[in-house]
Each structure stands twice: as structure tokens, then as C-alpha cells.
Protein backbone atom coordinates (compact mmCIF):
# COMPACT_ATOMS: atom_id res chain seq x y z
CA MET A 1 22.34 -16.34 7.32
CA GLY A 2 24.81 -13.47 7.93
CA LYS A 3 27.88 -13.57 10.32
CA ILE A 4 27.68 -16.29 12.90
CA THR A 5 27.90 -13.70 15.64
CA GLY A 6 26.90 -10.62 13.86
CA PHE A 7 23.62 -10.07 16.21
CA MET A 8 25.57 -10.36 19.43
CA GLU A 9 28.13 -7.55 18.00
CA PHE A 10 25.99 -5.14 16.10
CA GLU A 11 23.19 -3.03 16.62
CA ARG A 12 20.50 -2.26 14.55
CA LEU A 13 20.88 0.49 12.06
CA ALA A 14 17.98 3.02 10.94
CA GLU A 15 17.98 4.49 7.63
CA THR A 16 18.62 8.81 7.63
CA TYR A 17 15.93 11.11 7.62
CA GLU A 18 16.38 14.77 6.13
CA PRO A 19 15.19 16.74 9.43
CA PRO A 20 11.38 17.55 9.52
CA GLN A 21 11.76 21.49 9.23
CA GLU A 22 13.56 20.70 5.55
CA ARG A 23 11.82 18.44 4.11
CA VAL A 24 8.01 19.53 4.64
CA THR A 25 9.49 22.26 1.74
CA HIS A 26 9.49 19.92 -1.07
CA TRP A 27 7.95 17.11 -2.07
CA ARG A 28 10.61 14.46 -2.65
CA GLU A 29 11.78 11.62 -0.46
CA PHE A 30 13.80 11.99 2.33
CA VAL A 31 14.63 8.67 3.10
CA ALA A 32 18.34 7.79 2.37
CA ARG A 33 19.02 4.52 1.59
CA LEU A 34 21.86 2.54 3.48
CA ALA A 35 25.38 2.88 2.31
CA ASP A 36 26.62 -0.89 0.94
CA GLU A 37 28.77 -1.37 4.15
CA HIS A 38 26.32 -0.14 6.34
CA ALA A 39 23.68 -2.75 4.78
CA GLY A 40 26.48 -5.52 4.75
CA VAL A 41 26.48 -4.41 8.58
CA GLN A 42 22.66 -5.00 8.81
CA GLY A 43 22.78 -8.36 6.95
CA ALA A 44 25.89 -9.60 9.13
CA ARG A 45 22.81 -9.70 11.95
CA CYS A 46 20.51 -12.11 10.14
CA MET A 47 20.83 -15.48 12.88
CA ASP A 48 20.84 -19.09 11.90
CA CYS A 49 17.61 -19.36 13.39
CA GLY A 50 16.49 -22.51 11.87
CA THR A 51 12.95 -21.43 10.89
CA PRO A 52 13.14 -17.69 9.19
CA PHE A 53 9.91 -17.01 10.20
CA CYS A 54 10.44 -13.20 8.85
CA MET A 55 9.74 -15.38 5.56
CA SER A 56 6.27 -16.60 6.89
CA GLY A 57 5.32 -12.86 8.25
CA CYS A 58 6.29 -11.51 4.18
CA PRO A 59 3.10 -11.89 2.49
CA VAL A 60 5.31 -12.72 -0.68
CA ASN A 61 8.02 -15.42 0.80
CA ASN A 62 10.96 -13.18 0.10
CA ILE A 63 13.69 -15.37 0.82
CA ILE A 64 15.24 -12.98 3.23
CA PRO A 65 17.87 -14.92 4.96
CA ASP A 66 19.56 -15.74 1.72
CA TRP A 67 19.84 -12.10 0.53
CA ASN A 68 20.47 -10.55 4.09
CA ASP A 69 23.59 -13.02 3.98
CA LEU A 70 24.61 -12.02 0.02
CA VAL A 71 24.88 -8.34 0.88
CA TYR A 72 26.37 -9.02 4.19
CA ARG A 73 28.80 -10.49 1.72
CA GLN A 74 28.67 -7.67 -1.02
CA ASP A 75 27.44 -9.54 -3.73
CA TRP A 76 24.55 -7.46 -4.86
CA LYS A 77 23.55 -8.87 -8.37
CA THR A 78 22.59 -12.31 -7.05
CA ALA A 79 21.00 -10.60 -3.78
CA ILE A 80 18.41 -8.78 -6.46
CA ASP A 81 18.33 -11.92 -8.26
CA THR A 82 17.14 -13.42 -5.11
CA LEU A 83 14.78 -10.80 -4.55
CA HIS A 84 13.37 -10.55 -7.57
CA SER A 85 12.37 -14.19 -7.85
CA THR A 86 9.83 -13.51 -5.34
CA ASN A 87 8.76 -9.73 -5.64
CA ASN A 88 8.46 -7.83 -8.77
CA PHE A 89 8.70 -4.53 -7.55
CA PRO A 90 11.18 -4.52 -4.01
CA GLU A 91 11.68 -0.66 -5.05
CA PHE A 92 8.09 -0.19 -4.31
CA THR A 93 8.09 -2.25 -0.91
CA GLY A 94 11.14 -1.21 0.32
CA ARG A 95 9.76 2.04 0.66
CA VAL A 96 5.99 1.66 1.58
CA CYS A 97 5.71 -1.73 3.03
CA PRO A 98 5.16 -1.53 7.06
CA ALA A 99 7.58 -4.87 7.41
CA PRO A 100 5.74 -7.34 8.87
CA CYS A 101 8.82 -9.16 8.28
CA GLU A 102 10.62 -7.27 10.72
CA ALA A 103 7.63 -7.83 13.17
CA ALA A 104 8.30 -11.83 12.77
CA CYS A 105 12.50 -12.01 12.85
CA THR A 106 13.54 -13.88 15.65
CA LEU A 107 15.78 -11.54 16.83
CA ASN A 108 12.93 -8.92 17.78
CA ILE A 109 11.80 -11.62 20.51
CA ASN A 110 14.19 -9.76 22.66
CA ASN A 111 16.12 -7.08 20.79
CA ASP A 112 15.56 -4.90 17.80
CA PRO A 113 14.93 -6.60 14.27
CA VAL A 114 17.46 -6.96 11.79
CA GLY A 115 16.71 -4.25 9.22
CA ILE A 116 14.88 -5.89 6.69
CA LYS A 117 13.39 -3.13 4.91
CA SER A 118 16.30 -0.76 4.79
CA ILE A 119 18.13 -4.32 3.40
CA GLU A 120 15.77 -4.65 0.41
CA HIS A 121 15.60 -0.80 -0.09
CA ALA A 122 19.14 -0.95 -0.49
CA ILE A 123 19.27 -3.90 -2.91
CA GLY A 124 16.51 -2.11 -5.05
CA ASP A 125 17.93 0.84 -6.00
CA LYS A 126 21.80 -0.62 -6.09
CA ALA A 127 20.22 -2.93 -8.54
CA TRP A 128 18.96 0.01 -10.46
CA GLU A 129 21.84 2.08 -9.79
CA MET A 130 23.90 -0.51 -11.49
CA GLY A 131 22.00 -1.34 -14.73
CA TRP A 132 21.18 -5.15 -13.61
CA VAL A 133 17.44 -4.49 -13.82
CA ALA A 134 16.41 -5.31 -17.73
CA ALA A 135 13.30 -6.18 -19.63
CA ARG A 136 12.85 -9.74 -19.64
CA PRO A 137 11.07 -10.41 -23.27
CA PRO A 138 9.57 -13.97 -23.42
CA GLU A 139 11.08 -16.62 -25.80
CA ARG A 140 7.92 -17.57 -27.37
CA LYS A 141 4.45 -16.04 -27.84
CA THR A 142 1.50 -18.58 -26.61
CA GLY A 143 -1.02 -16.74 -29.20
CA LYS A 144 -3.17 -15.95 -25.95
CA ARG A 145 -4.85 -12.65 -25.47
CA VAL A 146 -5.32 -11.34 -21.43
CA ALA A 147 -6.89 -8.13 -20.20
CA VAL A 148 -5.74 -6.73 -16.68
CA ILE A 149 -7.83 -4.04 -15.19
CA GLY A 150 -6.47 -2.03 -13.19
CA SER A 151 -2.53 -1.17 -13.11
CA GLY A 152 -1.91 -0.88 -9.24
CA PRO A 153 0.89 -3.43 -7.71
CA ALA A 154 -1.78 -6.60 -8.06
CA GLY A 155 -2.26 -5.65 -12.14
CA LEU A 156 1.27 -4.14 -12.71
CA ALA A 157 2.62 -8.15 -10.59
CA ALA A 158 0.12 -9.99 -12.62
CA ALA A 159 0.85 -8.41 -16.30
CA GLN A 160 4.23 -8.69 -15.85
CA GLN A 161 4.30 -12.38 -14.99
CA LEU A 162 1.96 -12.92 -17.93
CA ALA A 163 3.90 -11.63 -20.14
CA ARG A 164 6.76 -13.05 -19.43
CA ALA A 165 5.07 -16.53 -19.63
CA GLY A 166 4.11 -15.08 -22.97
CA HIS A 167 0.58 -13.78 -23.48
CA ALA A 168 -0.19 -11.01 -25.22
CA VAL A 169 -1.48 -8.67 -22.14
CA VAL A 170 -2.80 -5.15 -22.15
CA VAL A 171 -3.46 -3.41 -19.24
CA PHE A 172 -6.38 -1.15 -18.99
CA GLU A 173 -6.62 1.93 -16.74
CA LYS A 174 -9.30 4.51 -16.02
CA ALA A 175 -6.82 7.26 -14.79
CA ASP A 176 -4.33 9.27 -17.16
CA ARG A 177 -1.63 7.41 -16.00
CA ILE A 178 -0.83 4.02 -15.17
CA GLY A 179 0.00 3.21 -11.41
CA GLY A 180 -2.96 2.84 -9.65
CA LEU A 181 -2.68 3.66 -5.57
CA LEU A 182 0.71 3.49 -6.39
CA ARG A 183 0.71 6.66 -8.52
CA TYR A 184 -2.36 8.51 -6.86
CA GLY A 185 -2.48 7.15 -3.91
CA ILE A 186 0.70 7.23 -2.05
CA PRO A 187 2.10 10.73 -1.58
CA ASP A 188 5.60 11.68 -3.90
CA PHE A 189 7.52 12.41 -0.60
CA LYS A 190 6.87 8.31 0.04
CA MET A 191 7.54 7.07 -3.38
CA GLU A 192 8.32 9.02 -6.40
CA LYS A 193 6.85 8.22 -9.24
CA HIS A 194 9.77 7.92 -11.67
CA LEU A 195 9.77 4.76 -9.83
CA ILE A 196 6.78 3.28 -11.83
CA ASP A 197 7.75 4.87 -15.19
CA ARG A 198 10.81 3.01 -15.30
CA ARG A 199 9.19 -0.20 -14.30
CA VAL A 200 6.34 0.52 -16.83
CA GLU A 201 9.27 1.03 -19.20
CA GLN A 202 10.57 -2.19 -18.59
CA MET A 203 7.04 -3.82 -18.83
CA ALA A 204 6.32 -2.45 -21.93
CA ALA A 205 9.78 -3.73 -23.80
CA GLU A 206 8.73 -7.40 -22.42
CA GLY A 207 5.25 -7.11 -24.32
CA VAL A 208 2.90 -5.28 -22.06
CA GLU A 209 0.40 -2.67 -23.66
CA PHE A 210 -1.11 -0.07 -21.39
CA ARG A 211 -3.91 1.95 -22.00
CA VAL A 212 -4.93 5.15 -19.90
CA ASN A 213 -7.80 6.74 -20.08
CA GLN A 214 -9.61 3.39 -20.28
CA HIS A 215 -12.55 3.06 -17.73
CA VAL A 216 -13.94 -0.71 -18.28
CA GLY A 217 -17.76 -0.83 -16.91
CA GLY A 218 -17.49 3.38 -18.11
CA ASN A 219 -16.13 3.91 -21.52
CA VAL A 220 -14.80 0.49 -22.12
CA ASP A 221 -17.55 -2.05 -22.52
CA SER A 222 -16.71 -5.17 -20.33
CA ARG A 223 -18.68 -7.77 -21.84
CA GLN A 224 -17.09 -6.67 -25.54
CA LEU A 225 -13.94 -7.30 -23.34
CA ALA A 226 -14.56 -10.42 -22.11
CA SER A 227 -15.20 -11.45 -26.08
CA GLU A 228 -11.73 -10.04 -27.32
CA PHE A 229 -9.64 -11.59 -24.66
CA ASP A 230 -8.68 -15.27 -23.25
CA ALA A 231 -8.90 -14.71 -19.73
CA LEU A 232 -9.72 -10.91 -17.87
CA VAL A 233 -7.79 -10.28 -14.75
CA LEU A 234 -9.72 -7.96 -12.38
CA ALA A 235 -7.12 -6.03 -10.16
CA GLY A 236 -8.70 -2.80 -9.33
CA GLY A 237 -8.80 -1.27 -6.21
CA ALA A 238 -10.84 -0.93 -2.58
CA GLU A 239 -12.18 2.34 -3.50
CA TYR A 240 -15.19 2.69 -2.08
CA PRO A 241 -14.46 4.87 1.17
CA ARG A 242 -16.11 4.78 4.83
CA ASP A 243 -18.08 7.84 5.11
CA LEU A 244 -19.10 9.56 8.23
CA PRO A 245 -22.88 10.36 8.04
CA VAL A 246 -23.13 12.83 10.88
CA PRO A 247 -24.85 15.78 10.45
CA GLY A 248 -22.96 18.75 8.69
CA ARG A 249 -21.52 16.55 6.66
CA GLU A 250 -22.44 17.80 3.32
CA LEU A 251 -20.68 21.28 4.45
CA ALA A 252 -17.82 22.15 2.20
CA GLY A 253 -14.26 21.87 3.60
CA VAL A 254 -15.46 17.69 4.70
CA HIS A 255 -13.67 15.66 2.42
CA PHE A 256 -12.65 11.94 1.66
CA ALA A 257 -8.78 11.40 1.87
CA MET A 258 -9.10 10.25 -1.51
CA GLU A 259 -10.41 13.17 -2.69
CA PHE A 260 -7.29 15.58 -0.88
CA LEU A 261 -4.03 12.97 -1.85
CA PRO A 262 -4.68 12.76 -5.93
CA GLN A 263 -4.94 15.83 -6.55
CA GLN A 264 -1.78 16.72 -4.78
CA ASN A 265 -0.24 13.74 -6.79
CA LYS A 266 -1.32 15.39 -9.74
CA VAL A 267 0.00 19.06 -8.98
CA VAL A 268 3.33 17.10 -8.36
CA ALA A 269 3.35 15.82 -11.63
CA GLY A 270 3.05 18.98 -13.36
CA ASP A 271 -0.72 18.91 -13.68
CA ARG A 272 -2.89 22.51 -13.37
CA VAL A 273 -5.97 21.14 -10.94
CA GLU A 274 -8.64 23.81 -10.83
CA ASN A 275 -10.14 24.17 -7.16
CA GLN A 276 -7.40 22.37 -5.69
CA ILE A 277 -8.22 20.82 -2.03
CA LEU A 278 -5.50 23.19 0.27
CA ALA A 279 -4.84 22.93 3.55
CA THR A 280 -2.72 26.23 3.44
CA ASP A 281 -3.28 28.34 6.44
CA LYS A 282 -6.36 25.95 7.87
CA HIS A 283 -6.88 24.00 11.05
CA VAL A 284 -7.16 20.98 9.69
CA ILE A 285 -8.52 17.70 11.55
CA VAL A 286 -7.88 14.14 10.01
CA ILE A 287 -10.53 11.42 11.06
CA GLY A 288 -8.95 7.90 10.87
CA GLY A 289 -5.53 6.88 12.41
CA GLY A 290 -4.19 4.35 9.89
CA ASP A 291 -1.39 4.99 7.05
CA THR A 292 -4.05 6.95 5.02
CA GLY A 293 -4.49 9.37 7.59
CA SER A 294 -0.82 9.63 8.02
CA ASP A 295 -0.55 10.64 4.23
CA CYS A 296 -3.09 13.52 4.85
CA VAL A 297 -1.23 14.72 7.56
CA GLY A 298 2.02 15.17 5.79
CA THR A 299 0.43 16.82 2.84
CA SER A 300 -1.16 19.25 5.20
CA ASN A 301 2.24 19.73 6.57
CA ARG A 302 3.76 20.44 3.59
CA HIS A 303 0.60 22.73 2.81
CA SER A 304 1.61 24.97 5.54
CA ALA A 305 -1.38 24.11 7.35
CA LYS A 306 -2.18 26.18 10.77
CA SER A 307 -2.44 23.11 13.04
CA VAL A 308 -3.07 19.25 12.33
CA THR A 309 -5.06 16.92 14.53
CA GLN A 310 -5.67 13.45 13.93
CA PHE A 311 -8.71 11.34 15.64
CA GLU A 312 -8.80 7.80 15.60
CA LEU A 313 -12.11 6.32 17.23
CA LEU A 314 -10.46 3.27 19.12
CA PRO A 315 -8.28 3.52 21.99
CA ALA A 316 -4.62 4.67 22.32
CA PRO A 317 -2.39 1.22 21.54
CA PRO A 318 0.56 0.43 24.10
CA GLU A 319 3.86 1.65 23.13
CA GLN A 320 5.60 -1.63 23.11
CA GLU A 321 3.79 -4.93 22.68
CA ASN A 322 4.17 -7.89 24.63
CA LYS A 323 6.79 -9.64 22.47
CA PRO A 324 6.47 -13.29 23.81
CA LEU A 325 2.57 -13.03 23.78
CA VAL A 326 2.42 -11.70 19.88
CA TRP A 327 5.38 -12.87 18.11
CA PRO A 328 5.88 -13.40 15.68
CA TYR A 329 2.60 -12.10 14.19
CA TRP A 330 1.91 -8.53 13.87
CA PRO A 331 1.49 -6.75 17.15
CA VAL A 332 -1.00 -3.83 17.87
CA LYS A 333 1.14 -1.28 19.33
CA LEU A 334 1.69 2.43 19.13
CA ARG A 335 3.34 3.32 15.31
CA SER A 336 4.55 7.19 14.83
CA SER A 337 5.22 8.07 11.08
CA SER A 338 7.72 10.64 9.91
CA SER A 339 4.45 12.53 8.91
CA HIS A 340 3.41 12.41 12.72
CA GLU A 341 7.17 13.54 13.57
CA GLU A 342 6.59 16.64 11.34
CA GLY A 343 3.91 18.18 13.73
CA CYS A 344 0.59 16.73 14.41
CA GLN A 345 -1.65 16.48 17.64
CA ARG A 346 -2.76 13.01 18.14
CA ASP A 347 -5.92 11.56 20.34
CA TRP A 348 -7.59 8.52 20.60
CA ALA A 349 -11.49 6.96 21.70
CA VAL A 350 -12.37 10.26 19.90
CA ALA A 351 -16.18 10.05 18.26
CA THR A 352 -17.19 13.03 15.79
CA LYS A 353 -20.82 13.84 16.35
CA HIS A 354 -21.06 16.90 13.87
CA PHE A 355 -20.05 19.70 11.92
CA GLU A 356 -20.81 23.40 12.36
CA GLY A 357 -20.50 25.98 10.26
CA HIS A 358 -21.44 29.19 8.28
CA GLY A 359 -22.55 30.18 4.82
CA GLY A 360 -22.19 26.14 3.81
CA THR A 361 -18.50 25.72 4.74
CA VAL A 362 -17.32 24.01 7.51
CA GLU A 363 -15.54 25.76 10.88
CA LYS A 364 -15.93 23.72 13.80
CA LEU A 365 -15.93 19.80 15.16
CA VAL A 366 -17.85 18.81 17.94
CA ALA A 367 -16.42 15.57 19.46
CA ALA A 368 -17.01 13.33 22.49
CA ARG A 369 -14.88 10.95 24.14
CA VAL A 370 -16.00 7.36 24.13
CA ALA A 371 -15.08 4.13 26.49
CA TRP A 372 -14.50 0.40 25.18
CA GLN A 373 -16.54 -1.80 27.45
CA LYS A 374 -16.79 -5.91 26.96
CA GLU A 375 -20.12 -7.01 27.23
CA PRO A 376 -21.16 -10.65 28.72
CA ASN A 377 -20.70 -12.08 25.23
CA GLY A 378 -17.45 -10.71 24.84
CA GLN A 379 -18.53 -8.33 22.23
CA MET A 380 -16.80 -4.97 22.50
CA VAL A 381 -19.41 -1.73 22.75
CA MET A 382 -18.74 1.88 22.41
CA ARG A 383 -20.36 4.24 24.93
CA GLU A 384 -19.95 7.76 25.02
CA VAL A 385 -18.47 9.12 28.25
CA PRO A 386 -20.75 11.69 29.94
CA GLY A 387 -19.65 15.53 29.87
CA SER A 388 -16.70 14.54 27.62
CA GLU A 389 -18.09 16.57 24.84
CA PHE A 390 -15.66 19.21 23.19
CA GLU A 391 -15.56 21.25 19.93
CA MET A 392 -12.37 22.34 18.01
CA LYS A 393 -11.93 24.71 15.39
CA ALA A 394 -12.18 23.23 11.68
CA ASP A 395 -11.21 24.71 8.16
CA LEU A 396 -11.00 21.12 6.79
CA VAL A 397 -11.86 18.16 7.62
CA LEU A 398 -10.48 14.71 6.11
CA LEU A 399 -12.24 11.46 6.53
CA ALA A 400 -9.60 8.84 6.33
CA MET A 401 -11.02 6.13 8.05
CA GLY A 402 -10.49 3.06 5.41
CA PHE A 403 -12.56 1.52 2.52
CA LEU A 404 -15.16 -0.93 2.35
CA GLY A 405 -14.18 -2.46 -0.78
CA PRO A 406 -14.47 -2.13 -4.31
CA VAL A 407 -16.73 0.45 -5.98
CA GLN A 408 -20.00 -1.68 -6.79
CA GLY A 409 -21.35 0.25 -9.88
CA GLY A 410 -19.32 -0.06 -13.55
CA LEU A 411 -17.54 -2.51 -14.16
CA LEU A 412 -18.39 -5.10 -11.51
CA GLU A 413 -22.54 -4.44 -11.97
CA ALA A 414 -22.07 -4.63 -16.18
CA LEU A 415 -20.22 -8.34 -15.03
CA ALA A 416 -22.65 -9.34 -12.35
CA VAL A 417 -19.66 -11.11 -10.90
CA ASN A 418 -20.48 -12.99 -7.68
CA LYS A 419 -19.19 -11.01 -4.38
CA ASP A 420 -18.49 -12.17 -0.79
CA PRO A 421 -20.02 -11.15 2.27
CA ARG A 422 -18.04 -7.85 2.33
CA GLY A 423 -18.87 -6.60 -0.86
CA ASN A 424 -15.49 -7.77 -2.75
CA VAL A 425 -15.39 -9.85 -5.59
CA ALA A 426 -15.59 -13.79 -4.84
CA ALA A 427 -12.55 -15.87 -6.08
CA ASP A 428 -10.34 -18.49 -3.71
CA THR A 429 -6.36 -17.74 -3.13
CA ASP A 430 -6.11 -21.13 -5.50
CA SER A 431 -7.61 -20.66 -8.52
CA TYR A 432 -8.16 -16.83 -8.41
CA ARG A 433 -11.52 -17.79 -10.65
CA THR A 434 -14.82 -15.41 -9.96
CA SER A 435 -17.99 -16.96 -10.74
CA LEU A 436 -17.71 -15.96 -14.39
CA PRO A 437 -15.80 -18.20 -17.38
CA LYS A 438 -12.59 -16.83 -17.69
CA VAL A 439 -12.40 -14.04 -15.26
CA PHE A 440 -10.23 -13.91 -12.21
CA ALA A 441 -9.59 -11.35 -9.97
CA ALA A 442 -6.88 -10.30 -7.57
CA GLY A 443 -5.46 -8.03 -4.96
CA ASP A 444 -7.71 -5.46 -3.10
CA MET A 445 -10.65 -6.09 -5.09
CA ARG A 446 -10.61 -9.67 -4.31
CA ARG A 447 -9.38 -9.18 -0.43
CA GLY A 448 -10.24 -5.87 0.56
CA GLN A 449 -8.35 -2.95 1.65
CA SER A 450 -4.82 -4.23 2.18
CA LEU A 451 -0.90 -3.92 1.45
CA VAL A 452 1.19 -3.07 -1.45
CA VAL A 453 2.66 -6.42 -0.84
CA TRP A 454 -0.28 -8.37 -0.33
CA ALA A 455 -1.33 -7.04 -3.97
CA ILE A 456 2.01 -7.97 -5.21
CA ARG A 457 1.25 -11.44 -3.98
CA GLU A 458 -1.82 -11.60 -5.28
CA GLY A 459 -0.92 -10.53 -8.74
CA ARG A 460 1.76 -12.96 -9.31
CA GLN A 461 -0.45 -16.02 -7.88
CA CYS A 462 -3.31 -14.83 -10.05
CA ALA A 463 -1.08 -14.92 -13.02
CA ARG A 464 0.27 -18.34 -12.48
CA ALA A 465 -3.59 -19.35 -12.32
CA VAL A 466 -4.16 -17.63 -15.76
CA ASP A 467 -1.73 -19.45 -17.44
CA GLU A 468 -2.50 -22.66 -16.02
CA PHE A 469 -6.45 -21.91 -17.26
CA LEU A 470 -4.95 -21.01 -20.67
CA MET A 471 -2.27 -23.72 -20.97
CA GLY A 472 -3.30 -26.51 -18.88
CA CYS A 473 -0.24 -25.91 -16.85
CA SER A 474 2.49 -23.18 -15.76
CA GLU A 475 5.93 -22.46 -14.70
CA LEU A 476 5.57 -19.65 -13.25
CA PRO A 477 6.24 -19.08 -9.28
CA ARG A 478 3.47 -18.70 -6.92
């Protein structure tokens, strides 16, 4: 619980950031983790609140009060052991998780919450620096073989858990490197990719086999795979982007965010990308106000765009939530990312009407303001505000309006697996079993677009379900 009176004595201390004018000149991470003593002070703020709502706010149910107390007492080795008991990859979540645990912190009712994410970041990095993260190969092999399709956080978590249970695990990844969205979706300035590489080395030492450029449902036959393995885990992403079907959508210069972002990841990794989509010296408009849109903003700033504007269809959220009303749940409020701080004009309740251009290339975006009104049946309806139409110069338009689920062709078509009403693979959160024998699903492919921490949770729980299916019982944690 930290120090008994710590929450009254100490203020929240945020991690330090490299100044915006400096960090936009490179692609490295720019957030410095807390020093050991500062992390200890943050741990001291953890209250003896009786019911740790932070744990219920955390999708992997991290035992947060315990490792807060351990960091306060500077027992870092036990802290990483406690953290690893629920989270396979704390160095990932300590960087890219939005920290719903902090929204649920009891101290957040009327004060600044404990800096849980910064403490997790510090524990993860400290553990690697001290050499405490080592391979944990199984003591015995079961003779069972499991194929994990997809190497994002869900696939990696499932693979590591299954390998530690003694199964022979093969991870199939359609891209040229392991990591899924972690590798080719999250910019390097938010999470450098050597963090993935060292986890892959650890997992390989634990017996996991990785195969890249293996597109199951493409150059790898999914049905043959099902016959070769005792179980299949579908852990692909929700990669089907929401489009914007307006006039001018076909113009050059209008791209999905996930056409734009992975190219820069490849360039940072040292690859040569022909005809890379660049924001350099362009007026950039990002449509969509979520994390993916924010990543487009940060990447465009590092390309030295002339201007960056971000539109959101929904109204502007309040700057401060009504804490007594929403706590301990994740609140809707205005959030500004580090990318916004680097330079971006933001606007809300804006609907794009069409694009215009010459020679087949976009030059202008035409939009209008909208008002959201509640109908008598309670449904919110969007209506254009009369006379509000306006236009903006646009040399590059990036569509970052979310994802509609997994790509429907290829693997899912070949397997003919049942889907839920949203087009995701149908499977519950107890057995994680699909409509096909010995085929399981976890992560975004099952639940839809979500957070890295949710993917890790589902990968872990799915691994236990697979282990129970193969062995009749399981000692893996859920």
C-alpha cells in the first residue's frame, strides 16, 4: 500500500519529456522513465483503500498495490516478479497503454491518481537493465503442437504461455518481422522496436518457433495447418479500416493511416520503401481523433509538414470529467497526446463532404460543421449546420477513423469460421473456442479494435483454454 500518509504528503510526479522542438527531429523514444527514488515516492502515494479499483480497471488485473508498495520499499526484483505474474510484456504496456488503472485509482476521486503507468514503465526497464528477465523454458514437453496465427500482443502472449506449459508452439506472421501492430502500427517514437526483438529472443529460448512472411490463408494453406497441429490460435488484428466514401476519395494523396504509418516503421528499421507516403512540406489533414490519428500527427510533424490539422466527427469532449459521476470507469474527456503538443490544429464536429484536386491529386478538402441532437427515442442524430461549409488546402489526407474488424477474406474465408454480428470471429471469453474443432481466437480478431493490454489479457486467457483443451486441465493463470 506504500506509505500510510504518502498520498497526503507527496504530489504526483510525471515522467519527463524531451522538448517538442528537439524530439520531432528524430524517431527515438523521448520519455524518460522515473529515477528509482522518484518511482519510490510515487509508490508511496498508493493508498490503503481496501478495494483496489485500479486492479479492476486494468484489463490484465495487474496486482498494482503490491508492486507499488515494493517499489516504495525499493524491492525491484520482487516487483518485476509480481508484475510478470499477470503481464507478459510490461515494457510494452508501460509505454503505450492509456492507463485505465489510473482512471480507476481511488485517489483519482478528488486528487491526481497514483502514477501507475510510470511505475510500471520503471519496473519493466529496471528489470531488463539488471538482467532479471530470462528465458523460462518448460521442465517437460507435452508432445502437443500449437500454431499461433499472428504475432501481435495477443499472439505473443498466447505463444509464451503455451510454450511455458510445455507445448511446441509455432507463430506464423504474414509480415517480414515479428510484432504485428506493435511493429508496424505504433511509431518508433512511442515504442522502439528493440523492445520486441529482445522478447522474441527470450521466447525463442523458451522454445517458440517464429516464421515470418507466412500468410495463413495466402501462401500458407489454413486447412493443411489445421491438420498438422493439435490446436490453432487465431490472433490476427482488426485490420479492416473504416473508409470515407465521399466524392474525390479516389484522388492520389488520400490514404488510410495504416498505409502511411507502417512505411515509416520500415524506414526506421533500415528498409528502403519505394514511393513512400511523406508529409514533408505538405498541408496534412488527419480525419479521426483517436490514437491512430494522433500517431499520424506525430509522424507528419517528424516529416516536417507545413501544417497538420486533425478533424473529429464527434463534438469536443469536456476538458474535465465529472469524477463523482463516472469514477472508477474510463471517462470521456479531452485528451491531448504528445503528438498534439508538437504542433496540430484540432477541430471537432466536422464532417468531410468531398475532396477536390487537379491531375488526379488531392488539393482541397470541403467540409461542414455538424450538430448532434437527441431524438425522442434517445438516438443521437447528426445534422449539418446550415451555412457552415468550408474548405481547406490538403496535400495529404490520412483516414484514421478506426477499424471495422478483421479482414474477411483469406484466412477467415478459407476456414469458414462463424462470426459475430460485427464480423469478428465468434468465441466466448471462457473457452475462446470458435465454431471449428481445435480452433481458438483471441485479441482484436475476436473482440474488435482494442488496446494492447486487452490483447495481452486475451492471449493469456486463450492460452489457458488451449492448455485445458489439450491436457484436460491447466496450471496456467487466467
